[in-house]
C-alpha atoms as a PDB file:
ATOM      1  CA  LYS A   1      10.940  15.821   1.331  1.00  0.00           C
ATOM      2  CA  LEU A   2       7.839  13.650   0.862  1.00  0.00           C
ATOM      3  CA  ASP A   3       6.195  13.235  -2.507  1.00  0.00           C
ATOM      4  CA  PHE A   4       2.721  12.474  -1.141  1.00  0.00           C
ATOM      5  CA  PRO A   5      -0.424  14.280  -2.222  1.00  0.00           C
ATOM      6  CA  VAL A   6      -2.271  15.915   0.641  1.00  0.00           C
ATOM      7  CA  PRO A   7      -5.561  14.195   1.632  1.00  0.00           C
ATOM      8  CA  LYS A   8      -8.601  16.215   0.461  1.00  0.00           C
ATOM      9  CA  GLY A   9     -11.841  17.143   2.073  1.00  0.00           C
ATOM     10  CA  GLY A  10     -13.332  15.923   5.323  1.00  0.00           C
ATOM     11  CA  LYS A  11     -12.709  16.928   8.934  1.00  0.00           C
ATOM     12  CA  THR A  12      -9.683  16.285  11.090  1.00  0.00           C
ATOM     13  CA  ASN A  13      -8.910  16.541  14.743  1.00  0.00           C
ATOM     14  CA  VAL A  14      -5.204  16.609  15.471  1.00  0.00           C
ATOM     15  CA  ARG A  15      -2.929  17.120  18.495  1.00  0.00           C
ATOM     16  CA  ILE A  16       0.493  18.547  17.674  1.00  0.00           C
ATOM     17  CA  ARG A  17       3.580  18.714  19.889  1.00  0.00           C
ATOM     18  CA  ILE A  18       6.604  20.852  18.826  1.00  0.00           C
ATOM     19  CA  GLU A  19       9.938  20.583  20.685  1.00  0.00           C
ATOM     20  CA  GLY A  20      13.428  21.696  19.988  1.00  0.00           C
ATOM     21  CA  GLY A  21      16.718  22.369  21.622  1.00  0.00           C
ATOM     22  CA  HIS A  22      16.878  19.145  23.629  1.00  0.00           C
ATOM     23  CA  ASP A  23      19.337  17.504  21.282  1.00  0.00           C
ATOM     24  CA  PRO A  24      21.489  18.451  18.227  1.00  0.00           C
ATOM     25  CA  GLU A  25      19.009  16.832  15.778  1.00  0.00           C
ATOM     26  CA  GLY A  26      16.816  20.027  15.634  1.00  0.00           C
ATOM     27  CA  ILE A  27      13.172  20.498  15.848  1.00  0.00           C
ATOM     28  CA  GLU A  28      10.760  17.579  16.481  1.00  0.00           C
ATOM     29  CA  VAL A  29       7.097  17.684  15.504  1.00  0.00           C
ATOM     30  CA  ALA A  30       4.783  14.916  16.652  1.00  0.00           C
ATOM     31  CA  ALA A  31       1.122  14.714  15.678  1.00  0.00           C
ATOM     32  CA  ASN A  32      -1.623  12.264  16.298  1.00  0.00           C
ATOM     33  CA  GLY A  33      -5.238  12.555  15.311  1.00  0.00           C
ATOM     34  CA  THR A  34      -8.265  11.363  13.476  1.00  0.00           C
ATOM     35  CA  SER A  35      -9.961  12.312  10.152  1.00  0.00           C
ATOM     36  CA  ARG A  36     -13.346  11.611   8.693  1.00  0.00           C
ATOM     37  CA  ASN A  37     -14.831  11.548   5.180  1.00  0.00           C
ATOM     38  CA  PHE A  38     -11.679  12.408   3.212  1.00  0.00           C
ATOM     39  CA  SER A  39     -10.127  11.408  -0.142  1.00  0.00           C
ATOM     40  CA  TRP A  40      -6.473  10.310  -0.620  1.00  0.00           C
ATOM     41  CA  TYR A  41      -4.978   9.028  -3.887  1.00  0.00           C
ATOM     42  CA  GLY A  42      -8.481   9.247  -5.321  1.00  0.00           C
ATOM     43  CA  GLU A  43      -9.826   6.803  -2.764  1.00  0.00           C
ATOM     44  CA  LYS A  44     -12.602   7.883  -0.347  1.00  0.00           C
ATOM     45  CA  TRP A  45     -12.257   6.840   3.313  1.00  0.00           C
ATOM     46  CA  LEU A  46     -14.814   6.969   6.120  1.00  0.00           C
ATOM     47  CA  SER A  47     -12.276   7.676   8.873  1.00  0.00           C
ATOM     48  CA  SER A  48      -8.676   7.312   9.933  1.00  0.00           C
ATOM     49  CA  SER A  49      -6.403   7.587  12.893  1.00  0.00           C
ATOM     50  CA  TYR A  50      -2.694   8.372  12.661  1.00  0.00           C
ATOM     51  CA  ASN A  51       0.527   9.042  14.587  1.00  0.00           C
ATOM     52  CA  VAL A  52       3.395  10.850  12.798  1.00  0.00           C
ATOM     53  CA  ARG A  53       6.756  12.269  13.771  1.00  0.00           C
ATOM     54  CA  TYR A  54       8.967  14.716  11.878  1.00  0.00           C
ATOM     55  CA  ARG A  55      12.656  15.517  12.401  1.00  0.00           C
ATOM     56  CA  PRO A  56      14.822  17.337   9.846  1.00  0.00           C
ATOM     57  CA  LYS A  57      16.460  14.066   8.830  1.00  0.00           C
ATOM     58  CA  PHE A  58      13.341  11.900   8.617  1.00  0.00           C
ATOM     59  CA  PHE A  59       9.563  11.577   8.664  1.00  0.00           C
ATOM     60  CA  GLU A  60       7.973   8.620  10.491  1.00  0.00           C
ATOM     61  CA  LEU A  61       4.453   7.364  10.073  1.00  0.00           C
ATOM     62  CA  SER A  62       4.223   5.283  13.294  1.00  0.00           C
ATOM     63  CA  ARG A  63       0.808   4.033  12.305  1.00  0.00           C
ATOM     64  CA  ALA A  64      -2.153   5.076  10.162  1.00  0.00           C
ATOM     65  CA  ILE A  65      -5.411   3.180   9.952  1.00  0.00           C
ATOM     66  CA  MET A  66      -7.800   4.127   7.101  1.00  0.00           C
ATOM     67  CA  VAL A  67     -11.306   2.736   7.367  1.00  0.00           C
ATOM     68  CA  LYS A  68     -13.839   1.811   4.701  1.00  0.00           C
ATOM     69  CA  ARG A  69     -17.299   0.367   5.480  1.00  0.00           C
ATOM     70  CA  SER A  70     -16.009  -3.206   5.219  1.00  0.00           C
ATOM     71  CA  GLY A  71     -12.398  -3.108   6.466  1.00  0.00           C
ATOM     72  CA  VAL A  72      -9.205  -1.195   7.050  1.00  0.00           C
ATOM     73  CA  LEU A  73      -5.881  -0.398   5.394  1.00  0.00           C
ATOM     74  CA  GLU A  74      -3.034   0.013   7.896  1.00  0.00           C
ATOM     75  CA  ALA A  75       0.103   1.896   6.949  1.00  0.00           C
ATOM     76  CA  ARG A  76       3.480   2.333   8.699  1.00  0.00           C
ATOM     77  CA  GLY A  77       6.547   4.074   7.290  1.00  0.00           C
ATOM     78  CA  HIS A  78       9.891   5.666   7.759  1.00  0.00           C
ATOM     79  CA  PHE A  79      11.109   8.137   5.130  1.00  0.00           C
ATOM     80  CA  SER A  80      14.589   9.614   5.031  1.00  0.00           C
ATOM     81  CA  THR A  81      17.276  10.421   2.466  1.00  0.00           C
ATOM     82  CA  GLY A  82      18.687   7.175   1.321  1.00  0.00           C
ATOM     83  CA  ARG A  83      16.436   4.840   3.389  1.00  0.00           C
ATOM     84  CA  SER A  84      12.677   4.724   3.115  1.00  0.00           C
ATOM     85  CA  GLU A  85      10.236   2.014   3.984  1.00  0.00           C
ATOM     86  CA  LEU A  86       6.401   1.740   3.731  1.00  0.00           C
ATOM     87  CA  SER A  87       4.312  -1.171   4.989  1.00  0.00           C
ATOM     88  CA  LEU A  88       0.665  -1.627   3.979  1.00  0.00           C
ATOM     89  CA  ILE A  89      -1.685  -4.235   5.440  1.00  0.00           C
ATOM     90  CA  SER A  90      -5.259  -4.826   4.202  1.00  0.00           C
ATOM     91  CA  ARG A  91      -7.672  -6.331   6.655  1.00  0.00           C
ATOM     92  CA  GLY A  92     -11.108  -7.198   5.262  1.00  0.00           C
ATOM     93  CA  LEU A  93     -11.281  -4.517   2.555  1.00  0.00           C
ATOM     94  CA  ARG A  94     -13.923  -5.310  -0.053  1.00  0.00           C
ATOM     95  CA  ILE A  95     -12.804  -4.736  -3.636  1.00  0.00           C
ATOM     96  CA  GLU A  96     -16.211  -3.424  -4.639  1.00  0.00           C
ATOM     97  CA  GLU A  97     -15.778  -0.541  -2.176  1.00  0.00           C
ATOM     98  CA  LEU A  98     -12.565   0.675  -3.815  1.00  0.00           C
ATOM     99  CA  ASN A  99     -13.212   3.750  -5.905  1.00  0.00           C
ATOM    100  CA  TRP A 100     -10.705   2.817  -8.594  1.00  0.00           C
ATOM    101  CA  ILE A 101     -12.871  -0.285  -9.374  1.00  0.00           C
ATOM    102  CA  GLY A 102     -15.728   1.977 -10.296  1.00  0.00           C
ATOM    103  CA  LYS A 103     -18.969   0.176 -10.923  1.00  0.00           C
ATOM    104  CA  ALA A 104     -17.324  -3.097 -12.167  1.00  0.00           C
ATOM    105  CA  PRO A 105     -19.523  -6.082 -11.323  1.00  0.00           C
ATOM    106  CA  ILE A 106     -16.896  -7.748  -9.102  1.00  0.00           C
ATOM    107  CA  GLN A 107     -16.981  -8.450  -5.379  1.00  0.00           C
ATOM    108  CA  GLY A 108     -14.335  -9.946  -3.181  1.00  0.00           C
ATOM    109  CA  GLU A 109     -12.135  -9.467  -0.144  1.00  0.00           C
ATOM    110  CA  VAL A 110      -8.596  -8.064  -0.409  1.00  0.00           C
ATOM    111  CA  THR A 111      -6.195  -9.261   2.284  1.00  0.00           C
ATOM    112  CA  GLY A 112      -2.444  -9.267   2.695  1.00  0.00           C
ATOM    113  CA  SER A 113       0.482  -7.054   3.141  1.00  0.00           C
ATOM    114  CA  VAL A 114       3.192  -5.283   1.159  1.00  0.00           C
ATOM    115  CA  ARG A 115       6.519  -3.872   2.476  1.00  0.00           C
ATOM    116  CA  LEU A 116       8.285  -1.456   0.085  1.00  0.00           C
ATOM    117  CA  LYS A 117      11.815  -0.102   0.485  1.00  0.00           C
ATOM    118  CA  GLY A 118      14.091   2.307  -1.250  1.00  0.00           C
ATOM    119  CA  ASN A 119      13.074   4.574  -4.172  1.00  0.00           C
ATOM    120  CA  PHE A 120       9.338   4.485  -4.539  1.00  0.00           C
ATOM    121  CA  ALA A 121       9.487   5.189  -8.294  1.00  0.00           C
ATOM    122  CA  ARG A 122      11.118   1.735  -8.582  1.00  0.00           C
ATOM    123  CA  PRO A 123      10.610   0.095  -5.167  1.00  0.00           C
ATOM    124  CA  THR A 124      11.921  -3.177  -3.849  1.00  0.00           C
ATOM    125  CA  GLY A 125      10.273  -5.185  -1.160  1.00  0.00           C
ATOM    126  CA  GLU A 126       8.100  -8.185  -0.269  1.00  0.00           C
ATOM    127  CA  GLY A 127       4.391  -8.738  -0.331  1.00  0.00           C
ATOM    128  CA  ASP A 128       1.499 -11.118  -0.560  1.00  0.00           C
ATOM    129  CA  ILE A 129      -1.926  -9.849  -1.673  1.00  0.00           C
ATOM    130  CA  ARG A 130      -4.924 -12.134  -2.051  1.00  0.00           C
ATOM    131  CA  LEU A 131      -8.342 -11.638  -3.529  1.00  0.00           C
ATOM    132  CA  GLY A 132     -10.757 -14.214  -2.020  1.00  0.00           C
ATOM    133  CA  ASN A 133     -14.484 -14.871  -1.805  1.00  0.00           C
ATOM    134  CA  THR A 134     -14.686 -13.447  -5.321  1.00  0.00           C
ATOM    135  CA  PHE A 135     -17.786 -13.089  -7.402  1.00  0.00           C
ATOM    136  CA  PHE A 136     -18.144 -11.630 -10.943  1.00  0.00           C
ATOM    137  CA  ARG A 137     -21.721 -10.881 -12.037  1.00  0.00           C
ATOM    138  CA  GLY A 138     -22.911 -13.179  -9.274  1.00  0.00           C
ATOM    139  CA  ASN A 139     -20.722 -16.134 -10.309  1.00  0.00           C
ATOM    140  CA  ARG A 140     -18.186 -17.491  -7.851  1.00  0.00           C
ATOM    141  CA  LEU A 141     -14.566 -17.254  -8.962  1.00  0.00           C
ATOM    142  CA  GLU A 142     -11.481 -19.020  -7.613  1.00  0.00           C
ATOM    143  CA  ASP A 143      -9.109 -16.966  -5.436  1.00  0.00           C
ATOM    144  CA  SER A 144      -6.329 -14.844  -6.949  1.00  0.00           C
ATOM    145  CA  ASN A 145      -2.979 -13.804  -5.489  1.00  0.00           C
ATOM    146  CA  LEU A 146      -0.032 -11.518  -6.158  1.00  0.00           C
ATOM    147  CA  LEU A 147       3.439 -11.997  -4.672  1.00  0.00           C
ATOM    148  CA  LEU A 148       6.305  -9.462  -4.645  1.00  0.00           C
ATOM    149  CA  LYS A 149       9.848 -10.232  -3.659  1.00  0.00           C
ATOM    150  CA  SER A 150      13.140  -8.456  -4.137  1.00  0.00           C
ATOM    151  CA  GLY A 151      16.789  -9.484  -3.778  1.00  0.00           C
ATOM    152  CA  LYS A 152      20.140  -9.742  -5.562  1.00  0.00           C
ATOM    153  CA  GLY A 153      19.431  -6.831  -7.879  1.00  0.00           C
ATOM    154  CA  GLU A 154      16.082  -7.878  -9.109  1.00  0.00           C
ATOM    155  CA  THR A 155      12.385  -7.603  -8.302  1.00  0.00           C
ATOM    156  CA  GLU A 156       9.969 -10.420  -9.048  1.00  0.00           C
ATOM    157  CA  ILE A 157       6.271 -10.120  -9.251  1.00  0.00           C
ATOM    158  CA  SER A 158       4.327 -13.322  -9.667  1.00  0.00           C
ATOM    159  CA  GLY A 159       0.721 -14.277  -9.286  1.00  0.00           C
ATOM    160  CA  SER A 160      -2.262 -16.304 -10.299  1.00  0.00           C
ATOM    161  CA  ILE A 161      -5.730 -15.320 -11.396  1.00  0.00           C
ATOM    162  CA  LEU A 162      -8.742 -17.592 -11.020  1.00  0.00           C
ATOM    163  CA  GLY A 163      -6.891 -20.213  -9.098  1.00  0.00           C
ATOM    164  CA  GLU A 164      -4.230 -21.627 -11.442  1.00  0.00           C
ATOM    165  CA  ARG A 165      -5.965 -20.731 -14.728  1.00  0.00           C
ATOM    166  CA  LEU A 166      -3.671 -17.808 -15.452  1.00  0.00           C
ATOM    167  CA  ARG A 167      -0.248 -17.565 -13.832  1.00  0.00           C
ATOM    168  CA  GLY A 168       2.360 -14.957 -14.521  1.00  0.00           C
ATOM    169  CA  ARG A 169       5.849 -13.933 -13.487  1.00  0.00           C
ATOM    170  CA  LEU A 170       7.590 -10.616 -14.196  1.00  0.00           C
ATOM    171  CA  VAL A 171      11.276 -10.174 -13.303  1.00  0.00           C
ATOM    172  CA  HIS A 172      12.841  -6.689 -13.408  1.00  0.00           C
ATOM    173  CA  SER A 173      16.625  -6.488 -13.143  1.00  0.00           C
ATOM    174  CA  GLU A 174      18.382  -3.445 -11.795  1.00  0.00           C
ATOM    175  CA  LYS A 175      21.508  -4.434 -13.690  1.00  0.00           C
ATOM    176  CA  LYS A 176      22.289  -2.449 -16.851  1.00  0.00           C
ATOM    177  CA  GLY A 177      21.913  -4.360 -20.122  1.00  0.00           C
ATOM    178  CA  LEU A 178      19.525  -6.933 -18.745  1.00  0.00           C
ATOM    179  CA  GLU A 179      15.913  -6.787 -20.060  1.00  0.00           C
ATOM    180  CA  ASP A 180      12.778  -7.449 -17.985  1.00  0.00           C
ATOM    181  CA  GLU A 181      11.333 -10.960 -18.405  1.00  0.00           C
ATOM    182  CA  LEU A 182       7.543 -11.711 -18.460  1.00  0.00           C
ATOM    183  CA  ILE A 183       6.197 -15.263 -18.533  1.00  0.00           C
ATOM    184  CA  LEU A 184       2.509 -16.200 -18.693  1.00  0.00           C
ATOM    185  CA  PHE A 185       0.971 -19.653 -18.286  1.00  0.00           C
ATOM    186  CA  PHE A 186      -2.611 -20.327 -19.340  1.00  0.00           C
ATOM    187  CA  LYS A 187      -4.628 -23.324 -18.261  1.00  0.00           C
ATOM    188  CA  SER A 188      -8.366 -23.596 -19.159  1.00  0.00           C
ATOM    189  CA  PHE A 189      -8.734 -19.876 -19.413  1.00  0.00           C
END
């Protein structure tokens, strides 16, 4: 049912409860636990705690907190046929600690949240992600942000980099025959 890769490596401590027969919905599996020193989606995490529940018609991630040295990423989700949601909240994560950045000479704090719904190959949802207290090669940069919003058959992603120096807007329409629209604004870039 879920198209998630399994976390790799590390150690886990989990408590599992399995029940069935108390209602017509079938088996229920609930698990809560902690993990340490694992990798997921290519990102290395120091530790995590999680609560999940499975029923034949859905999988629920009540709460998962994944910890880096500087901050945490919190996830909550509900996944079922026809209706799936995933919420992510970043609290104090440092961009230089993210493995996908590599050894790039950039530092900053990633904060904000994203709530995705529907088909995750082409999700809809809302979100606001900010990169603040940013430095590149030791030089202070203005804050950057990314906004996501969906509605009325389209998804809009807009944002600004280095304050207002570079702004952009991408609109994707779900309606057939309509093309995506990308607009960029440059100011002292």
